[in-house]
Amino acid sequence: MNTRLVNSASGVITAAQAQNRTAAGIALALESAQMLMTPETAAEQERIRTERDRYRTAWRMSRTRALSAGGAADRYAARAREGQEALQNMLFATIASQIARKAATDEAAELRARVANLEAKLAEYEQPADTAPSGNAASETTSPALKWPADWDDVLDTAIHTWGGEWDTRRVQRLYLARNGRGLLRSHARGFLSRRARQGLMTLHDRPGARFYTLNSPKGGA
């Protein structure tokens, strides 16, 4: 005898009698308590219940993994967007750098061409007086009189008194080119310096391989 089942059935019957149920009501109560089914049916029901619980647990675990995977996917998507934005910013910076480099290269080439042009012009005016010019260019000894700018004498005198040092024709030519944007014949530069020497303002120093003038100290000076 299964004491547990007997006691359970006795409890169900007692509860049904307390509710004044008929015999049919008592039988229905036993059926509701699953005490009228065969052992095979009870075992099958228990197997199904166990399998249901197992699948329910598996479903809950699968749902948890899905939620976790979804969160990870969102995080990876956010990182991918950040990486894409960083890549775009890097690309824009690279393009801007290339544009700036090209602009600097073009500017350097233009300045190089200007320097070469000015050096070529300056070389023409640095030609020694006893050197025959090429083509149909006139020599310095036969060059026409220079049309001096109105303030040129004052500009050069101020430069000589301010900077001092050794003054030769090349230095005068450079100053004239910087001041007026065009070249000066060497003979004219030499004429300006020699004229100041004759006036007693400058002294000629004629050495082997070097010919220059210096400013005389004022009388009574140290």
Protein backbone atom coordinates (compact mmCIF):
# COMPACT_ATOMS: atom_id res chain seq x y z
CA MET A 1 0.00 0.00 0.00
CA ASN A 2 1.22 3.48 -0.88
CA THR A 3 0.67 5.30 2.38
CA ARG A 4 1.42 8.68 0.87
CA LEU A 5 -1.20 8.32 -1.83
CA VAL A 6 -3.78 6.96 0.66
CA ASN A 7 -3.25 9.85 3.00
CA SER A 8 -3.46 12.34 0.13
CA ALA A 9 -6.72 10.79 -1.11
CA SER A 10 -8.13 10.76 2.41
CA GLY A 11 -7.39 14.44 2.75
CA VAL A 12 -9.11 15.25 -0.59
CA ILE A 13 -12.21 13.18 0.39
CA THR A 14 -12.42 14.82 3.82
CA ALA A 15 -12.23 18.28 2.26
CA ALA A 16 -14.95 17.35 -0.26
CA GLN A 17 -17.24 15.98 2.49
CA ALA A 18 -16.77 19.16 4.47
CA GLN A 19 -18.19 20.99 1.45
CA ASN A 20 -21.22 18.59 1.45
CA ARG A 21 -20.30 17.21 -1.94
CA THR A 22 -21.94 14.15 -3.43
CA ALA A 23 -20.12 11.01 -4.44
CA ALA A 24 -19.68 12.44 -7.91
CA GLY A 25 -18.27 15.64 -6.41
CA ILE A 26 -15.85 13.60 -4.36
CA ALA A 27 -14.74 11.73 -7.49
CA LEU A 28 -14.29 15.03 -9.33
CA ALA A 29 -12.14 16.32 -6.49
CA LEU A 30 -9.97 13.20 -6.73
CA GLU A 31 -9.68 13.70 -10.51
CA SER A 32 -8.68 17.34 -10.04
CA ALA A 33 -6.00 16.18 -7.60
CA GLN A 34 -4.80 13.78 -10.33
CA MET A 35 -5.38 10.76 -8.10
CA LEU A 36 -7.61 8.78 -10.44
CA MET A 37 -5.10 8.42 -13.33
CA THR A 38 -3.14 5.25 -13.97
CA PRO A 39 0.52 5.04 -12.93
CA GLU A 40 1.55 5.16 -16.58
CA THR A 41 -0.45 8.32 -17.17
CA ALA A 42 0.96 9.91 -14.04
CA ALA A 43 4.50 9.03 -15.11
CA GLU A 44 3.91 10.47 -18.59
CA GLN A 45 2.48 13.62 -17.08
CA GLU A 46 5.51 13.95 -14.81
CA ARG A 47 7.87 13.40 -17.77
CA ILE A 48 6.10 16.10 -19.75
CA ARG A 49 6.21 18.47 -16.79
CA THR A 50 9.95 17.84 -16.33
CA GLU A 51 10.62 18.36 -20.03
CA ARG A 52 8.57 21.54 -19.97
CA ASP A 53 10.64 22.90 -17.08
CA ARG A 54 13.85 21.96 -18.88
CA TYR A 55 12.83 23.75 -22.04
CA ARG A 56 11.65 26.75 -20.04
CA THR A 57 15.06 26.96 -18.37
CA ALA A 58 16.79 26.61 -21.74
CA TRP A 59 14.58 29.34 -23.19
CA ARG A 60 15.43 31.71 -20.34
CA MET A 61 19.16 31.07 -20.79
CA SER A 62 18.86 31.57 -24.55
CA ARG A 63 16.97 34.80 -24.00
CA THR A 64 19.69 36.04 -21.62
CA ARG A 65 22.40 35.19 -24.19
CA ALA A 66 20.43 36.95 -26.92
CA LEU A 67 20.11 40.09 -24.80
CA SER A 68 23.82 39.97 -23.98
CA ALA A 69 24.74 39.46 -27.64
CA GLY A 70 22.46 42.34 -28.61
CA GLY A 71 24.19 44.64 -26.11
CA ALA A 72 27.61 43.60 -27.43
CA ALA A 73 26.43 44.18 -31.00
CA ASP A 74 25.29 47.68 -30.06
CA ARG A 75 28.65 48.41 -28.45
CA TYR A 76 30.56 47.14 -31.47
CA ALA A 77 28.34 49.19 -33.77
CA ALA A 78 29.06 52.31 -31.69
CA ARG A 79 32.81 51.61 -31.86
CA ALA A 80 32.55 51.09 -35.61
CA ARG A 81 30.82 54.46 -36.00
CA GLU A 82 33.51 56.14 -33.89
CA GLY A 83 36.23 54.50 -35.98
CA GLN A 84 34.54 55.61 -39.18
CA GLU A 85 34.33 59.20 -37.94
CA ALA A 86 38.01 59.10 -36.90
CA LEU A 87 38.96 57.73 -40.32
CA GLN A 88 36.99 60.47 -42.06
CA ASN A 89 38.65 63.14 -39.90
CA MET A 90 42.07 61.67 -40.70
CA LEU A 91 41.23 61.65 -44.40
CA PHE A 92 40.14 65.30 -44.31
CA ALA A 93 43.33 66.26 -42.43
CA THR A 94 45.45 64.40 -45.00
CA ILE A 95 43.73 66.17 -47.90
CA ALA A 96 44.16 69.56 -46.21
CA SER A 97 47.85 68.82 -45.62
CA GLN A 98 48.36 67.84 -49.25
CA ILE A 99 46.65 71.04 -50.43
CA ALA A 100 48.82 73.14 -48.10
CA ARG A 101 51.96 71.34 -49.28
CA LYS A 102 51.11 71.96 -52.93
CA ALA A 103 50.43 75.64 -52.22
CA ALA A 104 53.76 75.95 -50.40
CA THR A 105 55.56 74.15 -53.24
CA ASP A 106 54.01 76.44 -55.84
CA GLU A 107 54.90 79.51 -53.79
CA ALA A 108 58.49 78.30 -53.36
CA ALA A 109 58.80 77.70 -57.10
CA GLU A 110 57.47 81.16 -57.85
CA LEU A 111 59.87 82.77 -55.38
CA ARG A 112 62.76 80.73 -56.79
CA ALA A 113 61.93 81.98 -60.27
CA ARG A 114 61.83 85.58 -59.03
CA VAL A 115 65.17 85.21 -57.27
CA ALA A 116 66.74 83.72 -60.38
CA ASN A 117 65.37 86.59 -62.46
CA LEU A 118 66.72 89.21 -60.06
CA GLU A 119 70.09 87.47 -59.83
CA ALA A 120 70.30 87.44 -63.62
CA LYS A 121 69.56 91.14 -63.76
CA LEU A 122 72.05 91.86 -61.00
CA ALA A 123 74.72 89.83 -62.81
CA GLU A 124 74.32 92.07 -65.84
CA TYR A 125 75.07 95.15 -63.75
CA GLU A 126 77.96 93.52 -61.89
CA GLN A 127 79.83 93.01 -65.13
CA PRO A 128 83.32 94.63 -64.94
CA ALA A 129 83.72 97.85 -66.88
CA ASP A 130 86.49 96.41 -69.10
CA THR A 131 84.46 93.31 -70.09
CA ALA A 132 82.81 93.45 -73.47
CA PRO A 133 79.01 92.91 -73.25
CA SER A 134 77.31 90.18 -75.27
CA GLY A 135 74.93 90.93 -78.13
CA ASN A 136 73.93 94.49 -78.69
CA ALA A 137 73.98 95.53 -75.01
CA ALA A 138 75.90 98.75 -74.33
CA SER A 139 78.94 98.60 -72.03
CA GLU A 140 79.04 100.42 -68.73
CA THR A 141 81.55 102.93 -70.13
CA THR A 142 79.09 103.93 -72.86
CA SER A 143 75.86 103.55 -70.87
CA PRO A 144 73.48 106.50 -70.87
CA ALA A 145 73.32 108.76 -67.84
CA LEU A 146 71.22 107.31 -65.05
CA LYS A 147 68.01 109.06 -64.20
CA TRP A 148 68.37 109.10 -60.43
CA PRO A 149 65.31 108.97 -58.20
CA ALA A 150 64.65 112.22 -56.42
CA ASP A 151 65.50 110.81 -52.98
CA TRP A 152 68.19 108.31 -53.98
CA ASP A 153 71.15 110.31 -52.69
CA ASP A 154 69.47 110.79 -49.34
CA VAL A 155 68.55 107.10 -49.16
CA LEU A 156 72.09 105.91 -49.85
CA ASP A 157 73.74 108.52 -47.61
CA THR A 158 71.44 107.49 -44.79
CA ALA A 159 72.31 103.82 -45.35
CA ILE A 160 76.06 104.54 -45.35
CA HIS A 161 75.88 106.60 -42.16
CA THR A 162 73.54 104.10 -40.44
CA TRP A 163 75.17 100.81 -41.37
CA GLY A 164 78.78 101.94 -41.87
CA GLY A 165 81.24 99.24 -42.83
CA GLU A 166 82.75 98.58 -46.24
CA TRP A 167 80.91 99.87 -49.31
CA ASP A 168 81.66 98.60 -52.79
CA THR A 169 79.75 98.79 -56.05
CA ARG A 170 77.97 95.53 -55.43
CA ARG A 171 76.59 96.69 -52.09
CA VAL A 172 75.30 99.89 -53.68
CA GLN A 173 73.68 97.89 -56.49
CA ARG A 174 71.88 95.64 -54.02
CA LEU A 175 70.54 98.60 -52.09
CA TYR A 176 69.34 100.24 -55.30
CA LEU A 177 67.63 97.00 -56.42
CA ALA A 178 65.90 96.60 -53.08
CA ARG A 179 64.84 100.26 -52.99
CA ASN A 180 63.66 100.70 -56.57
CA GLY A 181 63.00 97.20 -57.89
CA ARG A 182 65.43 97.49 -60.81
CA GLY A 183 69.15 97.15 -61.40
CA LEU A 184 71.89 99.78 -61.30
CA LEU A 185 74.90 99.90 -63.62
CA ARG A 186 78.18 99.22 -61.88
CA SER A 187 79.74 102.34 -63.36
CA HIS A 188 77.02 104.48 -61.78
CA ALA A 189 77.50 102.81 -58.41
CA ARG A 190 81.26 103.37 -58.67
CA GLY A 191 80.67 106.99 -59.70
CA PHE A 192 78.55 107.65 -56.60
CA LEU A 193 81.22 106.24 -54.27
CA SER A 194 84.13 108.00 -55.99
CA ARG A 195 82.23 111.29 -55.93
CA ARG A 196 81.75 110.97 -52.16
CA ALA A 197 85.45 110.19 -51.82
CA ARG A 198 86.36 113.34 -53.75
CA GLN A 199 84.09 115.30 -51.42
CA GLY A 200 86.02 113.95 -48.46
CA LEU A 201 83.09 112.00 -47.07
CA MET A 202 84.52 108.54 -47.79
CA THR A 203 87.96 106.93 -48.13
CA LEU A 204 88.97 104.54 -50.91
CA HIS A 205 90.73 101.32 -49.96
CA ASP A 206 92.32 99.77 -53.02
CA ARG A 207 93.80 96.37 -52.16
CA PRO A 208 94.62 93.34 -54.27
CA GLY A 209 91.30 91.66 -54.98
CA ALA A 210 89.33 94.20 -52.94
CA ARG A 211 88.25 97.75 -53.70
CA PHE A 212 85.86 99.47 -51.28
CA TYR A 213 85.07 102.70 -49.50
CA THR A 214 84.49 103.52 -45.83
CA LEU A 215 82.86 106.50 -44.18
CA ASN A 216 85.24 109.10 -42.79
CA SER A 217 84.89 110.02 -39.12
CA PRO A 218 83.74 113.58 -38.50
CA LYS A 219 86.49 116.03 -37.75
CA GLY A 220 87.19 116.26 -34.07
CA GLY A 221 85.66 112.80 -33.52
CA ALA A 222 87.26 110.03 -31.54
